[in-house]
């Protein structure tokens, strides 16, 4: 595991607060997830970075050295963001327009439309599974537009120099399963039904999504059995097709007759917020209303991808998008 900016931010938060619990709250993750992340960082570095004292977590001598370097890097990232912000305010064009985030089919739909606009000289598409990375890339000027699904958790403030607009405040998360899975025969599927079958999802602690799923399950009194973990969509779909597991799916996912079926969970207990992120005084900001309208139009055209989506779009999705 290579150290990343999010790892350095986690170490700084623990040092600043002197508490894993408070640091986890600041980072918008659970205390067990932060503890596990810290253990992985320490294994990678090869030594303990913090020890528990009477008044909280204190850095070890090695930890103090690592923190000194980490704060230099974090300060450098802030300086880069400030410098990029200065250039952005000068109105210099971005060539090509860099589109990121993690949002499924929307990347292609929006990028295809952007490519045809006279004010866009090209498009570069990239994805990051962690919403925090995408937003940070916008802040430092590595992305011009990010289409990001956010787990509805607190603790993720908007970085300085970044603006956003909501597309869907509560877009449901559906379930992907094999076309002949027993759940496909039920008239409706509850979260308790889902918990009775093996689950595949990203490795625990990878993003804020896992923390959110665990929170929802606790609220509903269920525990998901997750024997499989992967960040690769292709692997997940193979596991689902083989009936080894069921897993989460974006509402806009397509049914694949004879292979994969997409189903909604009754009352939509799992949902995400879809946001567009950009920098002020940029080309994207000048056209953000057009971009927002094109995203909504892409959802409109997505009808027919699966029956659960069509029902949600007619019932709530279209109205939410137009008022989001």
C-alpha atoms as a PDB file:
ATOM      1  CA  UNK A   1       0.000   0.000   0.000  1.00  0.00           C
ATOM      2  CA  UNK A   2       1.423   3.370  -1.026  1.00  0.00           C
ATOM      3  CA  UNK A   3       0.760   6.344   1.207  1.00  0.00           C
ATOM      4  CA  UNK A   4      -1.887   8.682  -0.199  1.00  0.00           C
ATOM      5  CA  UNK A   5      -3.072  12.179   0.707  1.00  0.00           C
ATOM      6  CA  UNK A   6      -6.067  10.702   2.555  1.00  0.00           C
ATOM      7  CA  UNK A   7      -3.667   8.664   4.723  1.00  0.00           C
ATOM      8  CA  UNK A   8      -1.704  11.800   5.621  1.00  0.00           C
ATOM      9  CA  UNK A   9      -4.939  13.630   6.432  1.00  0.00           C
ATOM     10  CA  UNK A  10      -5.967  10.747   8.705  1.00  0.00           C
ATOM     11  CA  UNK A  11      -2.660  10.895  10.596  1.00  0.00           C
ATOM     12  CA  UNK A  12      -2.933  14.677  10.964  1.00  0.00           C
ATOM     13  CA  UNK A  13      -6.512  14.384  12.249  1.00  0.00           C
ATOM     14  CA  UNK A  14      -5.478  11.840  14.898  1.00  0.00           C
ATOM     15  CA  UNK A  15      -2.616  14.086  15.988  1.00  0.00           C
ATOM     16  CA  UNK A  16      -4.787  17.231  16.011  1.00  0.00           C
ATOM     17  CA  UNK A  17      -7.595  15.687  18.058  1.00  0.00           C
ATOM     18  CA  UNK A  18      -5.585  13.241  20.144  1.00  0.00           C
ATOM     19  CA  UNK A  19      -8.453  10.771  19.720  1.00  0.00           C
ATOM     20  CA  UNK A  20      -9.336   8.102  17.174  1.00  0.00           C
ATOM     21  CA  UNK A  21     -13.016   8.715  17.853  1.00  0.00           C
ATOM     22  CA  UNK A  22     -12.835  12.474  17.318  1.00  0.00           C
ATOM     23  CA  UNK A  23     -10.552  12.076  14.319  1.00  0.00           C
ATOM     24  CA  UNK A  24     -12.960   9.582  12.746  1.00  0.00           C
ATOM     25  CA  UNK A  25     -15.828  12.023  13.287  1.00  0.00           C
ATOM     26  CA  UNK A  26     -13.841  14.804  11.609  1.00  0.00           C
ATOM     27  CA  UNK A  27     -13.020  12.527   8.655  1.00  0.00           C
ATOM     28  CA  UNK A  28     -16.589  11.274   8.289  1.00  0.00           C
ATOM     29  CA  UNK A  29     -15.811   7.621   8.957  1.00  0.00           C
ATOM     30  CA  UNK A  30     -16.320   5.133  11.751  1.00  0.00           C
ATOM     31  CA  UNK A  31     -13.786   4.682  14.533  1.00  0.00           C
ATOM     32  CA  UNK A  32     -13.180   0.988  13.628  1.00  0.00           C
ATOM     33  CA  UNK A  33     -12.573   1.955  10.004  1.00  0.00           C
ATOM     34  CA  UNK A  34     -10.037   4.626  11.024  1.00  0.00           C
ATOM     35  CA  UNK A  35      -8.368   2.203  13.442  1.00  0.00           C
ATOM     36  CA  UNK A  36      -8.048  -0.360  10.668  1.00  0.00           C
ATOM     37  CA  UNK A  37      -6.652   2.255   8.291  1.00  0.00           C
ATOM     38  CA  UNK A  38      -4.078   3.320  10.888  1.00  0.00           C
ATOM     39  CA  UNK A  39      -3.002  -0.294  11.370  1.00  0.00           C
ATOM     40  CA  UNK A  40      -2.510  -0.722   7.619  1.00  0.00           C
ATOM     41  CA  UNK A  41      -0.478   2.486   7.447  1.00  0.00           C
ATOM     42  CA  UNK A  42       1.699   1.346  10.348  1.00  0.00           C
ATOM     43  CA  UNK A  43       2.264  -2.061   8.740  1.00  0.00           C
ATOM     44  CA  UNK A  44       3.278  -0.342   5.530  1.00  0.00           C
ATOM     45  CA  UNK A  45       5.681   2.021   7.306  1.00  0.00           C
ATOM     46  CA  UNK A  46       6.987  -0.702   9.579  1.00  0.00           C
ATOM     47  CA  UNK A  47       6.438   0.821  12.997  1.00  0.00           C
ATOM     48  CA  UNK A  48       3.946   2.259  15.482  1.00  0.00           C
ATOM     49  CA  UNK A  49       2.978   5.884  14.829  1.00  0.00           C
ATOM     50  CA  UNK A  50       0.784   6.503  17.888  1.00  0.00           C
ATOM     51  CA  UNK A  51       0.458   5.134  21.392  1.00  0.00           C
ATOM     52  CA  UNK A  52      -2.398   5.489  23.852  1.00  0.00           C
ATOM     53  CA  UNK A  53      -1.609   7.736  26.795  1.00  0.00           C
ATOM     54  CA  UNK A  54      -3.691   8.949  29.730  1.00  0.00           C
ATOM     55  CA  UNK A  55      -4.855  11.984  27.786  1.00  0.00           C
ATOM     56  CA  UNK A  56      -5.357  10.348  24.388  1.00  0.00           C
ATOM     57  CA  UNK A  57      -3.329   9.282  21.357  1.00  0.00           C
ATOM     58  CA  UNK A  58       0.201  10.670  21.187  1.00  0.00           C
ATOM     59  CA  UNK A  59       2.708  10.213  18.374  1.00  0.00           C
ATOM     60  CA  UNK A  60       5.667   7.916  18.852  1.00  0.00           C
ATOM     61  CA  UNK A  61       9.108   9.273  17.902  1.00  0.00           C
ATOM     62  CA  UNK A  62       8.641   7.674  14.482  1.00  0.00           C
ATOM     63  CA  UNK A  63       5.125   9.084  14.317  1.00  0.00           C
ATOM     64  CA  UNK A  64       6.406  12.581  15.042  1.00  0.00           C
ATOM     65  CA  UNK A  65       8.869  12.316  12.159  1.00  0.00           C
ATOM     66  CA  UNK A  66       6.192  11.045   9.785  1.00  0.00           C
ATOM     67  CA  UNK A  67       3.763  13.769  10.889  1.00  0.00           C
ATOM     68  CA  UNK A  68       6.350  16.490  10.255  1.00  0.00           C
ATOM     69  CA  UNK A  69       6.748  15.291   6.675  1.00  0.00           C
ATOM     70  CA  UNK A  70       2.995  14.734   6.273  1.00  0.00           C
ATOM     71  CA  UNK A  71       2.221  18.310   7.269  1.00  0.00           C
ATOM     72  CA  UNK A  72       4.758  19.587   4.748  1.00  0.00           C
ATOM     73  CA  UNK A  73       2.985  17.620   2.015  1.00  0.00           C
ATOM     74  CA  UNK A  74      -0.476  18.773   3.136  1.00  0.00           C
ATOM     75  CA  UNK A  75       0.694  22.383   3.258  1.00  0.00           C
ATOM     76  CA  UNK A  76       2.097  21.931  -0.233  1.00  0.00           C
ATOM     77  CA  UNK A  77      -1.249  20.631  -1.462  1.00  0.00           C
ATOM     78  CA  UNK A  78      -2.958  23.723  -0.051  1.00  0.00           C
ATOM     79  CA  UNK A  79      -0.388  25.940  -1.739  1.00  0.00           C
ATOM     80  CA  UNK A  80      -0.985  24.169  -5.052  1.00  0.00           C
ATOM     81  CA  UNK A  81      -4.733  24.695  -4.660  1.00  0.00           C
ATOM     82  CA  UNK A  82      -4.174  28.413  -4.005  1.00  0.00           C
ATOM     83  CA  UNK A  83      -1.911  28.765  -7.036  1.00  0.00           C
ATOM     84  CA  UNK A  84      -4.305  26.883  -9.296  1.00  0.00           C
ATOM     85  CA  UNK A  85      -7.158  29.032  -8.013  1.00  0.00           C
ATOM     86  CA  UNK A  86      -5.244  32.137  -9.048  1.00  0.00           C
ATOM     87  CA  UNK A  87      -4.809  30.824 -12.574  1.00  0.00           C
ATOM     88  CA  UNK A  88      -8.436  29.695 -12.755  1.00  0.00           C
ATOM     89  CA  UNK A  89      -9.607  33.172 -11.852  1.00  0.00           C
ATOM     90  CA  UNK A  90      -7.673  34.525 -14.826  1.00  0.00           C
ATOM     91  CA  UNK A  91     -10.045  32.592 -17.050  1.00  0.00           C
ATOM     92  CA  UNK A  92      -7.383  30.503 -18.773  1.00  0.00           C
ATOM     93  CA  UNK A  93      -8.955  27.681 -20.812  1.00  0.00           C
ATOM     94  CA  UNK A  94      -8.505  24.079 -19.806  1.00  0.00           C
ATOM     95  CA  UNK A  95      -7.295  21.869 -22.637  1.00  0.00           C
ATOM     96  CA  UNK A  96      -8.832  19.351 -22.569  1.00  0.00           C
ATOM     97  CA  UNK A  97     -11.725  19.648 -20.103  1.00  0.00           C
ATOM     98  CA  UNK A  98     -11.008  17.088 -17.385  1.00  0.00           C
ATOM     99  CA  UNK A  99     -14.076  15.202 -16.179  1.00  0.00           C
ATOM    100  CA  UNK A 100     -13.865  12.924 -13.153  1.00  0.00           C
ATOM    101  CA  UNK A 101     -15.736  11.403 -10.250  1.00  0.00           C
ATOM    102  CA  UNK A 102     -17.472   8.046 -10.049  1.00  0.00           C
ATOM    103  CA  UNK A 103     -20.935   7.961 -11.578  1.00  0.00           C
ATOM    104  CA  UNK A 104     -21.311   5.165 -14.121  1.00  0.00           C
ATOM    105  CA  UNK A 105     -22.883   5.934 -17.492  1.00  0.00           C
ATOM    106  CA  UNK A 106     -23.046   9.691 -16.831  1.00  0.00           C
ATOM    107  CA  UNK A 107     -19.348  10.130 -17.519  1.00  0.00           C
ATOM    108  CA  UNK A 108     -19.806   9.050 -21.118  1.00  0.00           C
ATOM    109  CA  UNK A 109     -23.121  10.842 -21.658  1.00  0.00           C
ATOM    110  CA  UNK A 110     -21.874  14.160 -20.315  1.00  0.00           C
ATOM    111  CA  UNK A 111     -18.445  13.857 -21.933  1.00  0.00           C
ATOM    112  CA  UNK A 112     -19.985  13.130 -25.340  1.00  0.00           C
ATOM    113  CA  UNK A 113     -22.116  16.262 -25.033  1.00  0.00           C
ATOM    114  CA  UNK A 114     -19.187  18.379 -23.785  1.00  0.00           C
ATOM    115  CA  UNK A 115     -17.041  17.256 -26.701  1.00  0.00           C
ATOM    116  CA  UNK A 116     -19.535  18.807 -29.129  1.00  0.00           C
ATOM    117  CA  UNK A 117     -19.692  22.208 -27.420  1.00  0.00           C
ATOM    118  CA  UNK A 118     -17.862  25.122 -29.091  1.00  0.00           C
ATOM    119  CA  UNK A 119     -16.460  26.273 -25.747  1.00  0.00           C
ATOM    120  CA  UNK A 120     -14.877  22.855 -25.032  1.00  0.00           C
ATOM    121  CA  UNK A 121     -11.650  22.009 -26.866  1.00  0.00           C
ATOM    122  CA  UNK A 122     -11.586  18.344 -25.829  1.00  0.00           C
ATOM    123  CA  UNK A 123     -12.470  15.962 -23.002  1.00  0.00           C
ATOM    124  CA  UNK A 124     -10.348  13.796 -20.715  1.00  0.00           C
ATOM    125  CA  UNK A 125     -12.240  11.271 -18.583  1.00  0.00           C
ATOM    126  CA  UNK A 126     -10.940   9.721 -15.363  1.00  0.00           C
ATOM    127  CA  UNK A 127     -12.524   7.969 -12.397  1.00  0.00           C
ATOM    128  CA  UNK A 128     -11.750   7.721  -8.691  1.00  0.00           C
ATOM    129  CA  UNK A 129     -13.879   5.473  -6.486  1.00  0.00           C
ATOM    130  CA  UNK A 130     -13.333   7.708  -3.432  1.00  0.00           C
ATOM    131  CA  UNK A 131     -15.474  10.850  -3.525  1.00  0.00           C
ATOM    132  CA  UNK A 132     -12.926  12.713  -1.398  1.00  0.00           C
ATOM    133  CA  UNK A 133     -10.190  12.232  -4.000  1.00  0.00           C
ATOM    134  CA  UNK A 134     -12.415  13.582  -6.771  1.00  0.00           C
ATOM    135  CA  UNK A 135     -13.327  16.706  -4.806  1.00  0.00           C
ATOM    136  CA  UNK A 136      -9.692  17.272  -3.827  1.00  0.00           C
ATOM    137  CA  UNK A 137      -8.690  17.018  -7.491  1.00  0.00           C
ATOM    138  CA  UNK A 138     -11.162  19.765  -8.335  1.00  0.00           C
ATOM    139  CA  UNK A 139      -9.722  21.882  -5.513  1.00  0.00           C
ATOM    140  CA  UNK A 140      -6.136  21.581  -6.757  1.00  0.00           C
ATOM    141  CA  UNK A 141      -7.055  21.988 -10.418  1.00  0.00           C
ATOM    142  CA  UNK A 142      -6.469  18.372 -11.477  1.00  0.00           C
ATOM    143  CA  UNK A 143     -10.145  18.129 -12.526  1.00  0.00           C
ATOM    144  CA  UNK A 144     -12.460  20.732 -14.040  1.00  0.00           C
ATOM    145  CA  UNK A 145     -15.724  18.887 -13.374  1.00  0.00           C
ATOM    146  CA  UNK A 146     -16.476  15.996 -11.034  1.00  0.00           C
ATOM    147  CA  UNK A 147     -19.752  14.046 -11.050  1.00  0.00           C
ATOM    148  CA  UNK A 148     -19.753  12.485  -7.615  1.00  0.00           C
ATOM    149  CA  UNK A 149     -22.029  10.175  -5.657  1.00  0.00           C
ATOM    150  CA  UNK A 150     -21.825  11.042  -1.972  1.00  0.00           C
ATOM    151  CA  UNK A 151     -22.843   8.799   0.890  1.00  0.00           C
ATOM    152  CA  UNK A 152     -25.234  10.825   3.108  1.00  0.00           C
ATOM    153  CA  UNK A 153     -22.813  11.237   6.000  1.00  0.00           C
ATOM    154  CA  UNK A 154     -21.593  14.362   7.755  1.00  0.00           C
ATOM    155  CA  UNK A 155     -17.978  15.367   8.046  1.00  0.00           C
ATOM    156  CA  UNK A 156     -17.042  16.201   4.446  1.00  0.00           C
ATOM    157  CA  UNK A 157     -16.807  20.006   4.187  1.00  0.00           C
ATOM    158  CA  UNK A 158     -16.531  21.684   0.804  1.00  0.00           C
ATOM    159  CA  UNK A 159     -12.880  22.661   0.186  1.00  0.00           C
ATOM    160  CA  UNK A 160     -12.052  26.303  -0.297  1.00  0.00           C
ATOM    161  CA  UNK A 161     -12.338  27.317  -3.929  1.00  0.00           C
ATOM    162  CA  UNK A 162     -14.819  24.583  -4.885  1.00  0.00           C
ATOM    163  CA  UNK A 163     -18.520  24.953  -5.660  1.00  0.00           C
ATOM    164  CA  UNK A 164     -21.175  22.305  -6.202  1.00  0.00           C
ATOM    165  CA  UNK A 165     -24.722  21.798  -7.402  1.00  0.00           C
ATOM    166  CA  UNK A 166     -27.027  18.942  -6.385  1.00  0.00           C
ATOM    167  CA  UNK A 167     -28.550  16.765  -9.107  1.00  0.00           C
ATOM    168  CA  UNK A 168     -30.313  14.171  -6.951  1.00  0.00           C
ATOM    169  CA  UNK A 169     -30.375  14.596  -3.165  1.00  0.00           C
ATOM    170  CA  UNK A 170     -31.568  11.004  -2.667  1.00  0.00           C
ATOM    171  CA  UNK A 171     -30.924   8.675  -5.572  1.00  0.00           C
ATOM    172  CA  UNK A 172     -31.684   5.092  -4.511  1.00  0.00           C
ATOM    173  CA  UNK A 173     -29.122   2.314  -4.624  1.00  0.00           C
ATOM    174  CA  UNK A 174     -30.483  -0.896  -6.141  1.00  0.00           C
ATOM    175  CA  UNK A 175     -29.337  -4.514  -5.923  1.00  0.00           C
ATOM    176  CA  UNK A 176     -27.621  -6.523  -8.667  1.00  0.00           C
ATOM    177  CA  UNK A 177     -28.279 -10.261  -8.659  1.00  0.00           C
ATOM    178  CA  UNK A 178     -28.177 -13.218 -11.000  1.00  0.00           C
ATOM    179  CA  UNK A 179     -31.195 -13.394 -13.304  1.00  0.00           C
ATOM    180  CA  UNK A 180     -32.267 -16.680 -11.654  1.00  0.00           C
ATOM    181  CA  UNK A 181     -31.509 -15.647  -8.061  1.00  0.00           C
ATOM    182  CA  UNK A 182     -34.256 -16.535  -5.520  1.00  0.00           C
ATOM    183  CA  UNK A 183     -34.797 -12.838  -4.723  1.00  0.00           C
ATOM    184  CA  UNK A 184     -36.004 -12.176  -8.269  1.00  0.00           C
ATOM    185  CA  UNK A 185     -39.184 -14.145  -7.515  1.00  0.00           C
ATOM    186  CA  UNK A 186     -40.241 -11.885  -4.625  1.00  0.00           C
ATOM    187  CA  UNK A 187     -42.800  -9.120  -5.351  1.00  0.00           C
ATOM    188  CA  UNK A 188     -40.748  -6.712  -3.211  1.00  0.00           C
ATOM    189  CA  UNK A 189     -37.327  -7.005  -1.591  1.00  0.00           C
ATOM    190  CA  UNK A 190     -36.532  -5.734   1.897  1.00  0.00           C
ATOM    191  CA  UNK A 191     -33.150  -5.059   3.473  1.00  0.00           C
ATOM    192  CA  UNK A 192     -33.769  -8.094   5.687  1.00  0.00           C
ATOM    193  CA  UNK A 193     -34.166 -10.208   2.528  1.00  0.00           C
ATOM    194  CA  UNK A 194     -30.865  -8.870   1.228  1.00  0.00           C
ATOM    195  CA  UNK A 195     -29.122  -9.774   4.492  1.00  0.00           C
ATOM    196  CA  UNK A 196     -30.032 -13.437   4.005  1.00  0.00           C
ATOM    197  CA  UNK A 197     -27.684 -13.754   1.020  1.00  0.00           C
ATOM    198  CA  UNK A 198     -23.903 -13.315   0.578  1.00  0.00           C
ATOM    199  CA  UNK A 199     -22.955  -9.736  -0.218  1.00  0.00           C
ATOM    200  CA  UNK A 200     -20.107  -8.373  -2.364  1.00  0.00           C
ATOM    201  CA  UNK A 201     -18.884  -4.802  -1.981  1.00  0.00           C
ATOM    202  CA  UNK A 202     -15.722  -2.721  -1.778  1.00  0.00           C
ATOM    203  CA  UNK A 203     -13.225  -3.674   0.968  1.00  0.00           C
ATOM    204  CA  UNK A 204     -14.220  -2.227   4.355  1.00  0.00           C
ATOM    205  CA  UNK A 205     -12.670   1.179   4.989  1.00  0.00           C
ATOM    206  CA  UNK A 206     -12.021   1.920   1.307  1.00  0.00           C
ATOM    207  CA  UNK A 207     -14.454   4.852   1.132  1.00  0.00           C
ATOM    208  CA  UNK A 208     -17.258   6.369   3.220  1.00  0.00           C
ATOM    209  CA  UNK A 209     -19.756   4.096   1.465  1.00  0.00           C
ATOM    210  CA  UNK A 210     -18.983   1.127   3.737  1.00  0.00           C
ATOM    211  CA  UNK A 211     -19.512   3.249   6.848  1.00  0.00           C
ATOM    212  CA  UNK A 212     -22.855   4.399   5.492  1.00  0.00           C
ATOM    213  CA  UNK A 213     -24.045   0.867   4.622  1.00  0.00           C
ATOM    214  CA  UNK A 214     -23.166  -0.359   8.114  1.00  0.00           C
ATOM    215  CA  UNK A 215     -25.046   2.577   9.649  1.00  0.00           C
ATOM    216  CA  UNK A 216     -28.183   1.866   7.602  1.00  0.00           C
ATOM    217  CA  UNK A 217     -28.023  -1.834   8.471  1.00  0.00           C
ATOM    218  CA  UNK A 218     -27.716  -1.047  12.171  1.00  0.00           C
ATOM    219  CA  UNK A 219     -30.723   1.253  11.948  1.00  0.00           C
ATOM    220  CA  UNK A 220     -32.732  -1.590  10.363  1.00  0.00           C
ATOM    221  CA  UNK A 221     -31.445  -4.264  12.743  1.00  0.00           C
ATOM    222  CA  UNK A 222     -29.711  -6.355  10.074  1.00  0.00           C
ATOM    223  CA  UNK A 223     -26.140  -7.463   9.383  1.00  0.00           C
ATOM    224  CA  UNK A 224     -24.858  -8.069   5.870  1.00  0.00           C
ATOM    225  CA  UNK A 225     -22.782 -11.199   5.279  1.00  0.00           C
ATOM    226  CA  UNK A 226     -19.884  -9.967   3.096  1.00  0.00           C
ATOM    227  CA  UNK A 227     -17.538 -12.840   2.231  1.00  0.00           C
ATOM    228  CA  UNK A 228     -16.387 -11.131  -0.982  1.00  0.00           C
ATOM    229  CA  UNK A 229     -14.604  -7.787  -1.418  1.00  0.00           C
ATOM    230  CA  UNK A 230     -13.496  -6.118  -4.633  1.00  0.00           C
ATOM    231  CA  UNK A 231     -13.042  -2.691  -6.185  1.00  0.00           C
ATOM    232  CA  UNK A 232     -13.245  -4.139  -9.696  1.00  0.00           C
ATOM    233  CA  UNK A 233     -16.715  -3.858 -11.235  1.00  0.00           C
ATOM    234  CA  UNK A 234     -15.993  -6.706 -13.662  1.00  0.00           C
ATOM    235  CA  UNK A 235     -15.122  -9.050 -10.779  1.00  0.00           C
ATOM    236  CA  UNK A 236     -18.237  -8.018  -8.889  1.00  0.00           C
ATOM    237  CA  UNK A 237     -20.458  -8.727 -11.908  1.00  0.00           C
ATOM    238  CA  UNK A 238     -18.843 -12.131 -12.380  1.00  0.00           C
ATOM    239  CA  UNK A 239     -19.503 -12.995  -8.727  1.00  0.00           C
ATOM    240  CA  UNK A 240     -23.108 -11.843  -9.112  1.00  0.00           C
ATOM    241  CA  UNK A 241     -23.644 -13.768 -12.353  1.00  0.00           C
ATOM    242  CA  UNK A 242     -22.210 -16.916 -10.754  1.00  0.00           C
ATOM    243  CA  UNK A 243     -24.674 -16.510  -7.846  1.00  0.00           C
ATOM    244  CA  UNK A 244     -21.809 -16.266  -5.371  1.00  0.00           C
ATOM    245  CA  UNK A 245     -23.205 -12.958  -4.114  1.00  0.00           C
ATOM    246  CA  UNK A 246     -25.500 -10.011  -4.634  1.00  0.00           C
ATOM    247  CA  UNK A 247     -24.251  -6.448  -4.492  1.00  0.00           C
ATOM    248  CA  UNK A 248     -25.102  -2.739  -4.709  1.00  0.00           C
ATOM    249  CA  UNK A 249     -25.882  -1.203  -8.080  1.00  0.00           C
ATOM    250  CA  UNK A 250     -26.487   2.327  -9.289  1.00  0.00           C
ATOM    251  CA  UNK A 251     -30.145   2.920 -10.077  1.00  0.00           C
ATOM    252  CA  UNK A 252     -29.136   3.523 -13.704  1.00  0.00           C
ATOM    253  CA  UNK A 253     -27.567   0.058 -14.105  1.00  0.00           C
ATOM    254  CA  UNK A 254     -28.829  -2.041 -16.980  1.00  0.00           C
ATOM    255  CA  UNK A 255     -30.560  -5.391 -16.728  1.00  0.00           C
ATOM    256  CA  UNK A 256     -28.729  -8.102 -18.675  1.00  0.00           C
ATOM    257  CA  UNK A 257     -31.315 -10.734 -19.659  1.00  0.00           C
ATOM    258  CA  UNK A 258     -30.072 -14.203 -18.904  1.00  0.00           C
ATOM    259  CA  UNK A 259     -27.293 -12.862 -16.687  1.00  0.00           C
ATOM    260  CA  UNK A 260     -27.998 -10.003 -14.243  1.00  0.00           C
ATOM    261  CA  UNK A 261     -31.206  -8.541 -12.850  1.00  0.00           C
ATOM    262  CA  UNK A 262     -31.477  -5.169 -11.109  1.00  0.00           C
ATOM    263  CA  UNK A 263     -33.999  -4.839  -8.293  1.00  0.00           C
ATOM    264  CA  UNK A 264     -35.004  -2.054  -5.897  1.00  0.00           C
ATOM    265  CA  UNK A 265     -35.111  -2.429  -2.128  1.00  0.00           C
ATOM    266  CA  UNK A 266     -38.500  -1.624  -0.630  1.00  0.00           C
ATOM    267  CA  UNK A 267     -38.671   1.984   0.646  1.00  0.00           C
ATOM    268  CA  UNK A 268     -35.140   2.659  -0.722  1.00  0.00           C
ATOM    269  CA  UNK A 269     -33.167   2.448   2.555  1.00  0.00           C
ATOM    270  CA  UNK A 270     -29.879   2.945   0.676  1.00  0.00           C
ATOM    271  CA  UNK A 271     -29.494   6.201  -1.234  1.00  0.00           C
ATOM    272  CA  UNK A 272     -26.777   8.558  -2.422  1.00  0.00           C
ATOM    273  CA  UNK A 273     -26.553  12.230  -3.267  1.00  0.00           C
ATOM    274  CA  UNK A 274     -25.329  13.091  -6.765  1.00  0.00           C
ATOM    275  CA  UNK A 275     -23.415  16.383  -7.023  1.00  0.00           C
ATOM    276  CA  UNK A 276     -21.474  18.264  -9.664  1.00  0.00           C
ATOM    277  CA  UNK A 277     -18.258  19.914  -8.420  1.00  0.00           C
ATOM    278  CA  UNK A 278     -16.349  22.704 -10.159  1.00  0.00           C
ATOM    279  CA  UNK A 279     -14.227  25.777  -9.484  1.00  0.00           C
ATOM    280  CA  UNK A 280     -15.540  29.347  -9.535  1.00  0.00           C
ATOM    281  CA  UNK A 281     -14.582  31.670 -12.390  1.00  0.00           C
ATOM    282  CA  UNK A 282     -13.966  28.650 -14.623  1.00  0.00           C
ATOM    283  CA  UNK A 283     -15.305  27.497 -17.988  1.00  0.00           C
ATOM    284  CA  UNK A 284     -17.445  24.914 -16.206  1.00  0.00           C
ATOM    285  CA  UNK A 285     -19.005  27.521 -13.924  1.00  0.00           C
ATOM    286  CA  UNK A 286     -19.907  29.649 -16.944  1.00  0.00           C
ATOM    287  CA  UNK A 287     -21.877  26.697 -18.350  1.00  0.00           C
ATOM    288  CA  UNK A 288     -22.951  24.863 -15.189  1.00  0.00           C
ATOM    289  CA  UNK A 289     -26.679  25.362 -15.845  1.00  0.00           C
ATOM    290  CA  UNK A 290     -26.317  23.798 -19.291  1.00  0.00           C
ATOM    291  CA  UNK A 291     -24.291  20.916 -17.847  1.00  0.00           C
ATOM    292  CA  UNK A 292     -26.861  20.341 -15.108  1.00  0.00           C
ATOM    293  CA  UNK A 293     -29.636  20.275 -17.699  1.00  0.00           C
ATOM    294  CA  UNK A 294     -27.731  17.732 -19.774  1.00  0.00           C
ATOM    295  CA  UNK A 295     -27.275  15.470 -16.739  1.00  0.00           C
ATOM    296  CA  UNK A 296     -31.027  15.537 -16.122  1.00  0.00           C
ATOM    297  CA  UNK A 297     -31.643  14.827 -19.815  1.00  0.00           C
ATOM    298  CA  UNK A 298     -29.271  11.842 -19.593  1.00  0.00           C
ATOM    299  CA  UNK A 299     -31.356  10.436 -16.748  1.00  0.00           C
ATOM    300  CA  UNK A 300     -34.487  10.970 -18.819  1.00  0.00           C
ATOM    301  CA  UNK A 301     -32.958   9.023 -21.723  1.00  0.00           C
ATOM    302  CA  UNK A 302     -31.883   6.239 -19.373  1.00  0.00           C
ATOM    303  CA  UNK A 303     -35.461   5.015 -19.014  1.00  0.00           C
ATOM    304  CA  UNK A 304     -35.701   1.353 -19.957  1.00  0.00           C
ATOM    305  CA  UNK A 305     -32.406   0.353 -18.317  1.00  0.00           C
ATOM    306  CA  UNK A 306     -34.348  -1.594 -15.679  1.00  0.00           C
ATOM    307  CA  UNK A 307     -37.942  -1.678 -14.451  1.00  0.00           C
ATOM    308  CA  UNK A 308     -37.066  -0.430 -10.956  1.00  0.00           C
ATOM    309  CA  UNK A 309     -35.408   2.672 -12.422  1.00  0.00           C
ATOM    310  CA  UNK A 310     -38.410   3.459 -14.614  1.00  0.00           C
ATOM    311  CA  UNK A 311     -40.715   3.260 -11.601  1.00  0.00           C
ATOM    312  CA  UNK A 312     -38.454   5.471  -9.471  1.00  0.00           C
ATOM    313  CA  UNK A 313     -37.935   8.020 -12.259  1.00  0.00           C
ATOM    314  CA  UNK A 314     -41.628   8.435 -12.888  1.00  0.00           C
ATOM    315  CA  UNK A 315     -42.455   8.504  -9.178  1.00  0.00           C
ATOM    316  CA  UNK A 316     -39.680  10.738  -7.785  1.00  0.00           C
ATOM    317  CA  UNK A 317     -36.460  10.959  -9.781  1.00  0.00           C
ATOM    318  CA  UNK A 318     -37.556  13.412 -12.430  1.00  0.00           C
ATOM    319  CA  UNK A 319     -39.060  15.831  -9.878  1.00  0.00           C
ATOM    320  CA  UNK A 320     -35.987  15.602  -7.609  1.00  0.00           C
ATOM    321  CA  UNK A 321     -33.614  16.339 -10.466  1.00  0.00           C
ATOM    322  CA  UNK A 322     -35.551  19.375 -11.642  1.00  0.00           C
ATOM    323  CA  UNK A 323     -35.656  20.879  -8.150  1.00  0.00           C
ATOM    324  CA  UNK A 324     -32.247  19.674  -6.916  1.00  0.00           C
END
